[in-house]
């Protein structure tokens, strides 16, 4: 791809990646960062050394590729990202609201935002070069692979990136073989004592669109979630119910666990009782099912559960 170089001072704008294809020889040498900026091309001549990553799924990729970061959001980290709770990492605000004063004092070379933090683009792009690496939730696996490869190019980590991409491809192929034989699935997000069905157009659509689960419910007005009762679930009668406990993900006080909300499903009068898989709530809700380790673990959990079904 021939991109015209636009040198950029540190005080300006947002960078929107133009991602290269997952091709080329594996090299360990870092490359200059070339990306699209305000309709033109721009290049940072050296990989940024002081980086703020304002998204947990993107932080998963940085950790997997052993790319150091200086600043991270204050958040409830899943266990595999627990190292970022340490005081050695500057806390740069919440996932939704980066702290302007902290960012000014840190003076990063680059700020990386994702789905939640991208709403603060107008603010943070005034403080440092900012790249929006939000994942394409409609093509999540491919989007994760592209971002992994791009970061691998930037930081001389192509070999590590290629290794993870190969693992993703292998795991996904195996999972799709399993889901093709597993019957229908219903995805439920539990929150505030409610059972909210999620469909292929939701941000959790990877379960259907790429993992290959056949949706038991397809009527989602405007792509939005649909609240269901236990009776509704009995009528839909899925083979499998996949559950994301949103309240567990955010550690909501006094929340009723998803297992208790769905206890009645085990006593359904339907001809066949659906089997339940309680998905990792942090991976699916806090990381939107993305990242590298989280995505691999998500696929592995479902694969194991389906293969060891009753």
C-alpha atoms as a PDB file:
ATOM      1  CA  UNK A   1       0.000   0.000   0.000  1.00  0.00           C
ATOM      2  CA  UNK A   2       1.494   3.335  -1.050  1.00  0.00           C
ATOM      3  CA  UNK A   3       0.646   5.917   1.567  1.00  0.00           C
ATOM      4  CA  UNK A   4       1.871   9.466   1.296  1.00  0.00           C
ATOM      5  CA  UNK A   5       3.770  10.474   4.422  1.00  0.00           C
ATOM      6  CA  UNK A   6       2.490  13.373   6.486  1.00  0.00           C
ATOM      7  CA  UNK A   7       4.730  14.349   9.384  1.00  0.00           C
ATOM      8  CA  UNK A   8       2.730  15.331  12.405  1.00  0.00           C
ATOM      9  CA  UNK A   9       3.544  17.387  15.470  1.00  0.00           C
ATOM     10  CA  UNK A  10       2.749  15.793  18.785  1.00  0.00           C
ATOM     11  CA  UNK A  11       0.000  18.317  19.552  1.00  0.00           C
ATOM     12  CA  UNK A  12      -2.399  17.246  16.826  1.00  0.00           C
ATOM     13  CA  UNK A  13      -5.105  14.840  16.192  1.00  0.00           C
ATOM     14  CA  UNK A  14      -6.539  11.439  15.902  1.00  0.00           C
ATOM     15  CA  UNK A  15      -5.003   8.656  13.864  1.00  0.00           C
ATOM     16  CA  UNK A  16      -7.350   6.204  12.142  1.00  0.00           C
ATOM     17  CA  UNK A  17      -5.505   3.096  11.058  1.00  0.00           C
ATOM     18  CA  UNK A  18      -5.362   1.889   7.496  1.00  0.00           C
ATOM     19  CA  UNK A  19      -4.655  -1.755   8.231  1.00  0.00           C
ATOM     20  CA  UNK A  20      -2.473  -3.755   5.887  1.00  0.00           C
ATOM     21  CA  UNK A  21      -3.348  -7.337   4.944  1.00  0.00           C
ATOM     22  CA  UNK A  22      -1.963 -10.181   6.993  1.00  0.00           C
ATOM     23  CA  UNK A  23       0.806 -10.914   4.527  1.00  0.00           C
ATOM     24  CA  UNK A  24       4.539 -10.479   4.154  1.00  0.00           C
ATOM     25  CA  UNK A  25       7.671 -11.916   5.624  1.00  0.00           C
ATOM     26  CA  UNK A  26       8.138 -12.125   9.356  1.00  0.00           C
ATOM     27  CA  UNK A  27      10.666  -9.591  10.621  1.00  0.00           C
ATOM     28  CA  UNK A  28      11.701  -8.623  14.114  1.00  0.00           C
ATOM     29  CA  UNK A  29      12.564  -5.036  13.188  1.00  0.00           C
ATOM     30  CA  UNK A  30      10.061  -2.316  14.184  1.00  0.00           C
ATOM     31  CA  UNK A  31       8.697  -0.148  11.399  1.00  0.00           C
ATOM     32  CA  UNK A  32       7.493   3.427  11.189  1.00  0.00           C
ATOM     33  CA  UNK A  33       3.787   3.802  11.946  1.00  0.00           C
ATOM     34  CA  UNK A  34       1.869   4.762   8.810  1.00  0.00           C
ATOM     35  CA  UNK A  35      -1.821   5.539   9.143  1.00  0.00           C
ATOM     36  CA  UNK A  36      -4.635   7.661   7.783  1.00  0.00           C
ATOM     37  CA  UNK A  37      -5.103  11.061   9.380  1.00  0.00           C
ATOM     38  CA  UNK A  38      -7.823  13.582   8.488  1.00  0.00           C
ATOM     39  CA  UNK A  39      -8.097  12.141   4.992  1.00  0.00           C
ATOM     40  CA  UNK A  40      -4.325  12.111   4.467  1.00  0.00           C
ATOM     41  CA  UNK A  41      -1.494   9.802   5.443  1.00  0.00           C
ATOM     42  CA  UNK A  42       0.775  10.273   8.408  1.00  0.00           C
ATOM     43  CA  UNK A  43       3.836   8.578   9.788  1.00  0.00           C
ATOM     44  CA  UNK A  44       5.420   8.423  13.210  1.00  0.00           C
ATOM     45  CA  UNK A  45       9.035   7.653  12.410  1.00  0.00           C
ATOM     46  CA  UNK A  46       9.635   5.487  15.493  1.00  0.00           C
ATOM     47  CA  UNK A  47       7.329   3.287  17.556  1.00  0.00           C
ATOM     48  CA  UNK A  48       5.887   5.345  20.427  1.00  0.00           C
ATOM     49  CA  UNK A  49       7.618   4.500  23.708  1.00  0.00           C
ATOM     50  CA  UNK A  50       5.286   6.158  26.189  1.00  0.00           C
ATOM     51  CA  UNK A  51       1.875   4.746  25.328  1.00  0.00           C
ATOM     52  CA  UNK A  52      -1.488   5.034  27.069  1.00  0.00           C
ATOM     53  CA  UNK A  53      -3.942   2.216  26.276  1.00  0.00           C
ATOM     54  CA  UNK A  54      -7.464   3.219  27.282  1.00  0.00           C
ATOM     55  CA  UNK A  55      -9.193  -0.101  26.511  1.00  0.00           C
ATOM     56  CA  UNK A  56      -8.949  -3.534  28.161  1.00  0.00           C
ATOM     57  CA  UNK A  57      -9.234  -5.679  25.021  1.00  0.00           C
ATOM     58  CA  UNK A  58      -6.505  -3.655  23.323  1.00  0.00           C
ATOM     59  CA  UNK A  59      -4.432  -3.902  26.482  1.00  0.00           C
ATOM     60  CA  UNK A  60      -4.774  -7.689  26.164  1.00  0.00           C
ATOM     61  CA  UNK A  61      -3.064  -7.477  22.758  1.00  0.00           C
ATOM     62  CA  UNK A  62      -0.314  -5.193  24.040  1.00  0.00           C
ATOM     63  CA  UNK A  63       0.351  -7.619  26.894  1.00  0.00           C
ATOM     64  CA  UNK A  64       0.287 -10.676  24.618  1.00  0.00           C
ATOM     65  CA  UNK A  65       2.866  -9.102  22.310  1.00  0.00           C
ATOM     66  CA  UNK A  66       4.960  -7.889  25.269  1.00  0.00           C
ATOM     67  CA  UNK A  67       4.631  -4.236  24.230  1.00  0.00           C
ATOM     68  CA  UNK A  68       5.186  -1.956  27.245  1.00  0.00           C
ATOM     69  CA  UNK A  69       2.626   0.674  28.204  1.00  0.00           C
ATOM     70  CA  UNK A  70       2.859   3.628  30.570  1.00  0.00           C
ATOM     71  CA  UNK A  71      -0.767   4.454  31.312  1.00  0.00           C
ATOM     72  CA  UNK A  72      -3.946   2.397  31.696  1.00  0.00           C
ATOM     73  CA  UNK A  73      -7.506   3.099  32.848  1.00  0.00           C
ATOM     74  CA  UNK A  74      -8.773   2.540  36.340  1.00  0.00           C
ATOM     75  CA  UNK A  75     -10.959  -0.523  35.860  1.00  0.00           C
ATOM     76  CA  UNK A  76     -11.916  -3.934  37.189  1.00  0.00           C
ATOM     77  CA  UNK A  77      -9.270  -6.062  35.522  1.00  0.00           C
ATOM     78  CA  UNK A  78      -9.729  -9.752  34.736  1.00  0.00           C
ATOM     79  CA  UNK A  79      -7.154 -11.977  36.393  1.00  0.00           C
ATOM     80  CA  UNK A  80      -4.926 -12.345  33.351  1.00  0.00           C
ATOM     81  CA  UNK A  81      -4.557  -8.549  33.137  1.00  0.00           C
ATOM     82  CA  UNK A  82      -4.131  -8.034  36.887  1.00  0.00           C
ATOM     83  CA  UNK A  83      -0.563  -6.750  36.529  1.00  0.00           C
ATOM     84  CA  UNK A  84      -1.960  -3.436  35.277  1.00  0.00           C
ATOM     85  CA  UNK A  85      -3.527  -2.748  38.663  1.00  0.00           C
ATOM     86  CA  UNK A  86      -0.015  -2.044  39.981  1.00  0.00           C
ATOM     87  CA  UNK A  87       0.932   1.518  40.911  1.00  0.00           C
ATOM     88  CA  UNK A  88       3.783   1.386  38.408  1.00  0.00           C
ATOM     89  CA  UNK A  89       1.170   2.004  35.707  1.00  0.00           C
ATOM     90  CA  UNK A  90      -0.251   5.518  35.682  1.00  0.00           C
ATOM     91  CA  UNK A  91      -4.029   5.442  35.987  1.00  0.00           C
ATOM     92  CA  UNK A  92      -5.382   7.704  33.274  1.00  0.00           C
ATOM     93  CA  UNK A  93      -9.086   7.915  34.099  1.00  0.00           C
ATOM     94  CA  UNK A  94     -11.975   5.538  33.506  1.00  0.00           C
ATOM     95  CA  UNK A  95     -12.767   3.476  30.431  1.00  0.00           C
ATOM     96  CA  UNK A  96     -15.248   6.160  29.388  1.00  0.00           C
ATOM     97  CA  UNK A  97     -13.601   9.345  30.675  1.00  0.00           C
ATOM     98  CA  UNK A  98      -9.819   9.730  30.378  1.00  0.00           C
ATOM     99  CA  UNK A  99      -8.323  12.109  32.966  1.00  0.00           C
ATOM    100  CA  UNK A 100      -7.098  15.172  31.050  1.00  0.00           C
ATOM    101  CA  UNK A 101      -4.849  16.446  33.843  1.00  0.00           C
ATOM    102  CA  UNK A 102      -3.126  13.085  34.306  1.00  0.00           C
ATOM    103  CA  UNK A 103      -2.599  12.766  30.559  1.00  0.00           C
ATOM    104  CA  UNK A 104      -1.079  16.242  30.366  1.00  0.00           C
ATOM    105  CA  UNK A 105       1.347  15.408  33.147  1.00  0.00           C
ATOM    106  CA  UNK A 106       2.238  12.043  31.614  1.00  0.00           C
ATOM    107  CA  UNK A 107       2.749  13.629  28.174  1.00  0.00           C
ATOM    108  CA  UNK A 108       2.455  10.325  26.220  1.00  0.00           C
ATOM    109  CA  UNK A 109       3.785   9.733  22.728  1.00  0.00           C
ATOM    110  CA  UNK A 110       0.530   8.018  21.787  1.00  0.00           C
ATOM    111  CA  UNK A 111      -2.940   7.451  23.252  1.00  0.00           C
ATOM    112  CA  UNK A 112      -4.830   4.342  22.111  1.00  0.00           C
ATOM    113  CA  UNK A 113      -8.613   4.327  22.504  1.00  0.00           C
ATOM    114  CA  UNK A 114     -11.235   1.653  21.930  1.00  0.00           C
ATOM    115  CA  UNK A 115     -15.012   1.343  21.821  1.00  0.00           C
ATOM    116  CA  UNK A 116     -15.824   2.898  25.177  1.00  0.00           C
ATOM    117  CA  UNK A 117     -13.046   5.490  25.284  1.00  0.00           C
ATOM    118  CA  UNK A 118     -13.434   6.574  21.648  1.00  0.00           C
ATOM    119  CA  UNK A 119     -16.244   8.889  22.719  1.00  0.00           C
ATOM    120  CA  UNK A 120     -13.526  11.044  24.329  1.00  0.00           C
ATOM    121  CA  UNK A 121     -11.606  11.470  21.048  1.00  0.00           C
ATOM    122  CA  UNK A 122     -12.267  15.187  20.745  1.00  0.00           C
ATOM    123  CA  UNK A 123     -10.722  15.683  24.158  1.00  0.00           C
ATOM    124  CA  UNK A 124      -7.685  13.418  24.114  1.00  0.00           C
ATOM    125  CA  UNK A 125      -6.643  14.203  20.558  1.00  0.00           C
ATOM    126  CA  UNK A 126      -5.796  17.684  21.787  1.00  0.00           C
ATOM    127  CA  UNK A 127      -3.328  16.245  24.279  1.00  0.00           C
ATOM    128  CA  UNK A 128      -1.299  13.745  22.200  1.00  0.00           C
ATOM    129  CA  UNK A 129      -1.429  11.751  18.958  1.00  0.00           C
ATOM    130  CA  UNK A 130      -4.420   9.447  19.339  1.00  0.00           C
ATOM    131  CA  UNK A 131      -5.230   6.240  17.492  1.00  0.00           C
ATOM    132  CA  UNK A 132      -8.715   4.707  17.513  1.00  0.00           C
ATOM    133  CA  UNK A 133      -8.310   0.924  17.427  1.00  0.00           C
ATOM    134  CA  UNK A 134     -11.952   0.101  18.129  1.00  0.00           C
ATOM    135  CA  UNK A 135     -12.749  -3.394  16.904  1.00  0.00           C
ATOM    136  CA  UNK A 136     -15.260  -4.123  14.184  1.00  0.00           C
ATOM    137  CA  UNK A 137     -17.770  -6.111  16.230  1.00  0.00           C
ATOM    138  CA  UNK A 138     -19.417  -7.500  13.073  1.00  0.00           C
ATOM    139  CA  UNK A 139     -16.117  -9.110  12.036  1.00  0.00           C
ATOM    140  CA  UNK A 140     -14.478  -9.396  15.413  1.00  0.00           C
ATOM    141  CA  UNK A 141     -11.964 -12.189  14.856  1.00  0.00           C
ATOM    142  CA  UNK A 142     -10.624 -10.638  11.663  1.00  0.00           C
ATOM    143  CA  UNK A 143     -10.496  -7.231  13.358  1.00  0.00           C
ATOM    144  CA  UNK A 144      -8.478  -8.644  16.279  1.00  0.00           C
ATOM    145  CA  UNK A 145      -6.115 -10.335  13.828  1.00  0.00           C
ATOM    146  CA  UNK A 146      -5.602  -7.120  11.855  1.00  0.00           C
ATOM    147  CA  UNK A 147      -4.879  -5.059  14.961  1.00  0.00           C
ATOM    148  CA  UNK A 148      -2.503  -7.726  16.256  1.00  0.00           C
ATOM    149  CA  UNK A 149      -0.611  -7.779  12.970  1.00  0.00           C
ATOM    150  CA  UNK A 150      -0.438  -3.977  12.787  1.00  0.00           C
ATOM    151  CA  UNK A 151       0.965  -3.680  16.313  1.00  0.00           C
ATOM    152  CA  UNK A 152       3.392  -6.482  15.532  1.00  0.00           C
ATOM    153  CA  UNK A 153       4.639  -4.499  12.545  1.00  0.00           C
ATOM    154  CA  UNK A 154       5.004  -1.306  14.519  1.00  0.00           C
ATOM    155  CA  UNK A 155       6.984  -2.833  17.349  1.00  0.00           C
ATOM    156  CA  UNK A 156       9.038  -5.502  15.604  1.00  0.00           C
ATOM    157  CA  UNK A 157       6.794  -8.273  16.998  1.00  0.00           C
ATOM    158  CA  UNK A 158       5.696  -9.871  13.725  1.00  0.00           C
ATOM    159  CA  UNK A 159       6.759 -13.350  14.793  1.00  0.00           C
ATOM    160  CA  UNK A 160       4.716 -13.154  17.991  1.00  0.00           C
ATOM    161  CA  UNK A 161       1.766 -11.663  16.099  1.00  0.00           C
ATOM    162  CA  UNK A 162       1.886 -14.423  13.473  1.00  0.00           C
ATOM    163  CA  UNK A 163       1.934 -17.039  16.256  1.00  0.00           C
ATOM    164  CA  UNK A 164      -1.244 -15.643  17.829  1.00  0.00           C
ATOM    165  CA  UNK A 165      -2.980 -15.247  14.490  1.00  0.00           C
ATOM    166  CA  UNK A 166      -2.265 -18.894  13.691  1.00  0.00           C
ATOM    167  CA  UNK A 167      -3.654 -19.923  17.086  1.00  0.00           C
ATOM    168  CA  UNK A 168      -6.815 -17.905  16.459  1.00  0.00           C
ATOM    169  CA  UNK A 169      -7.315 -19.488  13.039  1.00  0.00           C
ATOM    170  CA  UNK A 170      -6.769 -23.011  14.382  1.00  0.00           C
ATOM    171  CA  UNK A 171      -9.048 -22.545  17.377  1.00  0.00           C
ATOM    172  CA  UNK A 172     -11.787 -20.933  15.312  1.00  0.00           C
ATOM    173  CA  UNK A 173     -11.758 -23.704  12.703  1.00  0.00           C
ATOM    174  CA  UNK A 174     -12.061 -26.360  15.410  1.00  0.00           C
ATOM    175  CA  UNK A 175     -14.850 -24.468  17.172  1.00  0.00           C
ATOM    176  CA  UNK A 176     -16.875 -24.016  13.981  1.00  0.00           C
ATOM    177  CA  UNK A 177     -16.711 -27.746  13.345  1.00  0.00           C
ATOM    178  CA  UNK A 178     -18.149 -28.318  16.812  1.00  0.00           C
ATOM    179  CA  UNK A 179     -20.877 -25.653  16.710  1.00  0.00           C
ATOM    180  CA  UNK A 180     -22.047 -26.939  13.316  1.00  0.00           C
ATOM    181  CA  UNK A 181     -23.204 -30.102  15.105  1.00  0.00           C
ATOM    182  CA  UNK A 182     -24.390 -28.546  18.365  1.00  0.00           C
ATOM    183  CA  UNK A 183     -27.862 -27.304  17.480  1.00  0.00           C
ATOM    184  CA  UNK A 184     -29.368 -23.914  18.272  1.00  0.00           C
ATOM    185  CA  UNK A 185     -28.168 -21.385  20.820  1.00  0.00           C
ATOM    186  CA  UNK A 186     -29.711 -18.520  22.765  1.00  0.00           C
ATOM    187  CA  UNK A 187     -27.414 -15.804  24.141  1.00  0.00           C
ATOM    188  CA  UNK A 188     -28.605 -14.105  27.320  1.00  0.00           C
ATOM    189  CA  UNK A 189     -27.189 -11.051  29.069  1.00  0.00           C
ATOM    190  CA  UNK A 190     -28.376 -10.998  32.679  1.00  0.00           C
ATOM    191  CA  UNK A 191     -28.573  -7.666  34.498  1.00  0.00           C
ATOM    192  CA  UNK A 192     -30.844  -6.096  37.103  1.00  0.00           C
ATOM    193  CA  UNK A 193     -32.710  -9.402  37.464  1.00  0.00           C
ATOM    194  CA  UNK A 194     -33.553  -9.364  33.754  1.00  0.00           C
ATOM    195  CA  UNK A 195     -32.821 -11.870  30.998  1.00  0.00           C
ATOM    196  CA  UNK A 196     -31.924  -9.953  27.819  1.00  0.00           C
ATOM    197  CA  UNK A 197     -31.509 -11.991  24.638  1.00  0.00           C
ATOM    198  CA  UNK A 198     -28.696 -10.829  22.347  1.00  0.00           C
ATOM    199  CA  UNK A 199     -28.615 -11.520  18.630  1.00  0.00           C
ATOM    200  CA  UNK A 200     -26.201 -11.608  15.692  1.00  0.00           C
ATOM    201  CA  UNK A 201     -26.337  -7.812  15.349  1.00  0.00           C
ATOM    202  CA  UNK A 202     -25.366  -7.170  18.961  1.00  0.00           C
ATOM    203  CA  UNK A 203     -21.830  -6.490  20.082  1.00  0.00           C
ATOM    204  CA  UNK A 204     -21.704 -10.147  21.117  1.00  0.00           C
ATOM    205  CA  UNK A 205     -22.662 -11.285  17.616  1.00  0.00           C
ATOM    206  CA  UNK A 206     -19.321 -13.062  17.191  1.00  0.00           C
ATOM    207  CA  UNK A 207     -20.954 -16.067  18.879  1.00  0.00           C
ATOM    208  CA  UNK A 208     -23.223 -16.499  15.868  1.00  0.00           C
ATOM    209  CA  UNK A 209     -21.453 -14.714  13.018  1.00  0.00           C
ATOM    210  CA  UNK A 210     -17.996 -16.200  13.468  1.00  0.00           C
ATOM    211  CA  UNK A 211     -18.145 -18.955  16.085  1.00  0.00           C
ATOM    212  CA  UNK A 212     -20.941 -20.539  14.059  1.00  0.00           C
ATOM    213  CA  UNK A 213     -23.675 -20.972  16.684  1.00  0.00           C
ATOM    214  CA  UNK A 214     -27.106 -21.260  15.032  1.00  0.00           C
ATOM    215  CA  UNK A 215     -29.380 -18.613  16.603  1.00  0.00           C
ATOM    216  CA  UNK A 216     -32.507 -19.976  18.254  1.00  0.00           C
ATOM    217  CA  UNK A 217     -34.067 -16.497  18.206  1.00  0.00           C
ATOM    218  CA  UNK A 218     -33.808 -14.238  15.166  1.00  0.00           C
ATOM    219  CA  UNK A 219     -36.415 -11.537  15.831  1.00  0.00           C
ATOM    220  CA  UNK A 220     -34.469  -8.575  17.227  1.00  0.00           C
ATOM    221  CA  UNK A 221     -36.181  -5.266  16.356  1.00  0.00           C
ATOM    222  CA  UNK A 222     -33.530  -2.770  15.216  1.00  0.00           C
ATOM    223  CA  UNK A 223     -30.882  -5.209  16.359  1.00  0.00           C
ATOM    224  CA  UNK A 224     -31.565  -4.449  20.023  1.00  0.00           C
ATOM    225  CA  UNK A 225     -31.727  -6.944  22.863  1.00  0.00           C
ATOM    226  CA  UNK A 226     -35.060  -8.493  23.794  1.00  0.00           C
ATOM    227  CA  UNK A 227     -36.116  -9.135  27.398  1.00  0.00           C
ATOM    228  CA  UNK A 228     -37.362 -12.681  27.921  1.00  0.00           C
ATOM    229  CA  UNK A 229     -39.192 -14.571  30.636  1.00  0.00           C
ATOM    230  CA  UNK A 230     -38.573 -18.180  31.599  1.00  0.00           C
ATOM    231  CA  UNK A 231     -41.765 -19.016  29.692  1.00  0.00           C
ATOM    232  CA  UNK A 232     -40.367 -17.302  26.601  1.00  0.00           C
ATOM    233  CA  UNK A 233     -37.224 -19.399  26.871  1.00  0.00           C
ATOM    234  CA  UNK A 234     -39.306 -22.562  27.167  1.00  0.00           C
ATOM    235  CA  UNK A 235     -41.190 -21.586  24.014  1.00  0.00           C
ATOM    236  CA  UNK A 236     -37.991 -20.827  22.086  1.00  0.00           C
ATOM    237  CA  UNK A 237     -36.579 -24.127  23.371  1.00  0.00           C
ATOM    238  CA  UNK A 238     -32.908 -23.724  22.378  1.00  0.00           C
ATOM    239  CA  UNK A 239     -30.433 -26.573  22.542  1.00  0.00           C
ATOM    240  CA  UNK A 240     -27.946 -24.343  24.354  1.00  0.00           C
ATOM    241  CA  UNK A 241     -28.145 -21.172  26.423  1.00  0.00           C
ATOM    242  CA  UNK A 242     -25.018 -19.014  26.554  1.00  0.00           C
ATOM    243  CA  UNK A 243     -25.032 -16.637  29.525  1.00  0.00           C
ATOM    244  CA  UNK A 244     -23.158 -13.382  30.184  1.00  0.00           C
ATOM    245  CA  UNK A 245     -23.652 -12.196  33.769  1.00  0.00           C
ATOM    246  CA  UNK A 246     -23.174  -8.446  33.372  1.00  0.00           C
ATOM    247  CA  UNK A 247     -23.637  -7.747  37.091  1.00  0.00           C
ATOM    248  CA  UNK A 248     -20.885 -10.227  37.972  1.00  0.00           C
ATOM    249  CA  UNK A 249     -18.576  -8.549  35.440  1.00  0.00           C
ATOM    250  CA  UNK A 250     -18.934  -5.158  37.136  1.00  0.00           C
ATOM    251  CA  UNK A 251     -19.137  -6.650  40.641  1.00  0.00           C
ATOM    252  CA  UNK A 252     -22.539  -5.111  41.289  1.00  0.00           C
ATOM    253  CA  UNK A 253     -23.537  -5.274  44.935  1.00  0.00           C
ATOM    254  CA  UNK A 254     -26.609  -7.317  45.898  1.00  0.00           C
ATOM    255  CA  UNK A 255     -27.047  -8.624  42.349  1.00  0.00           C
ATOM    256  CA  UNK A 256     -28.799 -11.944  41.880  1.00  0.00           C
ATOM    257  CA  UNK A 257     -26.387 -14.371  40.166  1.00  0.00           C
ATOM    258  CA  UNK A 258     -27.302 -15.552  36.692  1.00  0.00           C
ATOM    259  CA  UNK A 259     -27.371 -19.152  37.925  1.00  0.00           C
ATOM    260  CA  UNK A 260     -30.176 -18.275  40.307  1.00  0.00           C
ATOM    261  CA  UNK A 261     -32.137 -16.319  37.692  1.00  0.00           C
ATOM    262  CA  UNK A 262     -31.974 -19.307  35.360  1.00  0.00           C
ATOM    263  CA  UNK A 263     -32.577 -21.980  37.976  1.00  0.00           C
ATOM    264  CA  UNK A 264     -36.078 -22.569  36.658  1.00  0.00           C
ATOM    265  CA  UNK A 265     -34.707 -23.515  33.239  1.00  0.00           C
ATOM    266  CA  UNK A 266     -33.418 -26.744  34.760  1.00  0.00           C
ATOM    267  CA  UNK A 267     -37.021 -27.649  35.547  1.00  0.00           C
ATOM    268  CA  UNK A 268     -38.545 -26.658  32.222  1.00  0.00           C
ATOM    269  CA  UNK A 269     -41.401 -28.790  30.931  1.00  0.00           C
ATOM    270  CA  UNK A 270     -40.076 -28.680  27.372  1.00  0.00           C
ATOM    271  CA  UNK A 271     -39.356 -31.985  25.657  1.00  0.00           C
ATOM    272  CA  UNK A 272     -35.631 -31.354  25.970  1.00  0.00           C
ATOM    273  CA  UNK A 273     -33.921 -29.188  28.517  1.00  0.00           C
ATOM    274  CA  UNK A 274     -31.409 -26.691  27.176  1.00  0.00           C
ATOM    275  CA  UNK A 275     -27.860 -26.926  28.409  1.00  0.00           C
ATOM    276  CA  UNK A 276     -26.288 -23.798  29.854  1.00  0.00           C
ATOM    277  CA  UNK A 277     -22.817 -22.333  29.401  1.00  0.00           C
ATOM    278  CA  UNK A 278     -21.933 -19.485  31.743  1.00  0.00           C
ATOM    279  CA  UNK A 279     -19.471 -17.476  29.695  1.00  0.00           C
ATOM    280  CA  UNK A 280     -16.633 -15.596  31.389  1.00  0.00           C
ATOM    281  CA  UNK A 281     -18.392 -12.312  32.263  1.00  0.00           C
ATOM    282  CA  UNK A 282     -15.248 -10.164  32.309  1.00  0.00           C
ATOM    283  CA  UNK A 283     -14.060 -11.439  28.931  1.00  0.00           C
ATOM    284  CA  UNK A 284     -17.413 -10.954  27.271  1.00  0.00           C
ATOM    285  CA  UNK A 285     -18.695  -7.788  28.936  1.00  0.00           C
ATOM    286  CA  UNK A 286     -15.621  -5.784  29.947  1.00  0.00           C
ATOM    287  CA  UNK A 287     -13.551  -6.797  26.897  1.00  0.00           C
ATOM    288  CA  UNK A 288     -16.512  -7.163  24.489  1.00  0.00           C
ATOM    289  CA  UNK A 289     -15.314 -10.691  23.698  1.00  0.00           C
ATOM    290  CA  UNK A 290     -12.167  -9.272  22.074  1.00  0.00           C
ATOM    291  CA  UNK A 291      -8.429  -9.209  22.820  1.00  0.00           C
ATOM    292  CA  UNK A 292      -6.078 -12.105  22.167  1.00  0.00           C
ATOM    293  CA  UNK A 293      -5.951 -14.264  25.285  1.00  0.00           C
ATOM    294  CA  UNK A 294      -9.576 -13.452  26.077  1.00  0.00           C
ATOM    295  CA  UNK A 295     -10.746 -14.396  22.594  1.00  0.00           C
ATOM    296  CA  UNK A 296      -8.758 -17.638  22.629  1.00  0.00           C
ATOM    297  CA  UNK A 297     -10.074 -18.520  26.085  1.00  0.00           C
ATOM    298  CA  UNK A 298     -13.647 -17.708  25.025  1.00  0.00           C
ATOM    299  CA  UNK A 299     -13.433 -20.096  22.087  1.00  0.00           C
ATOM    300  CA  UNK A 300     -11.789 -22.777  24.193  1.00  0.00           C
ATOM    301  CA  UNK A 301     -14.447 -22.569  26.908  1.00  0.00           C
ATOM    302  CA  UNK A 302     -17.276 -23.044  24.418  1.00  0.00           C
ATOM    303  CA  UNK A 303     -15.479 -25.816  22.573  1.00  0.00           C
ATOM    304  CA  UNK A 304     -14.870 -27.798  25.758  1.00  0.00           C
ATOM    305  CA  UNK A 305     -18.439 -27.316  26.988  1.00  0.00           C
ATOM    306  CA  UNK A 306     -19.994 -28.453  23.704  1.00  0.00           C
ATOM    307  CA  UNK A 307     -17.712 -31.458  23.388  1.00  0.00           C
ATOM    308  CA  UNK A 308     -18.489 -32.592  26.939  1.00  0.00           C
ATOM    309  CA  UNK A 309     -22.238 -32.113  26.703  1.00  0.00           C
ATOM    310  CA  UNK A 310     -24.670 -34.571  28.183  1.00  0.00           C
END
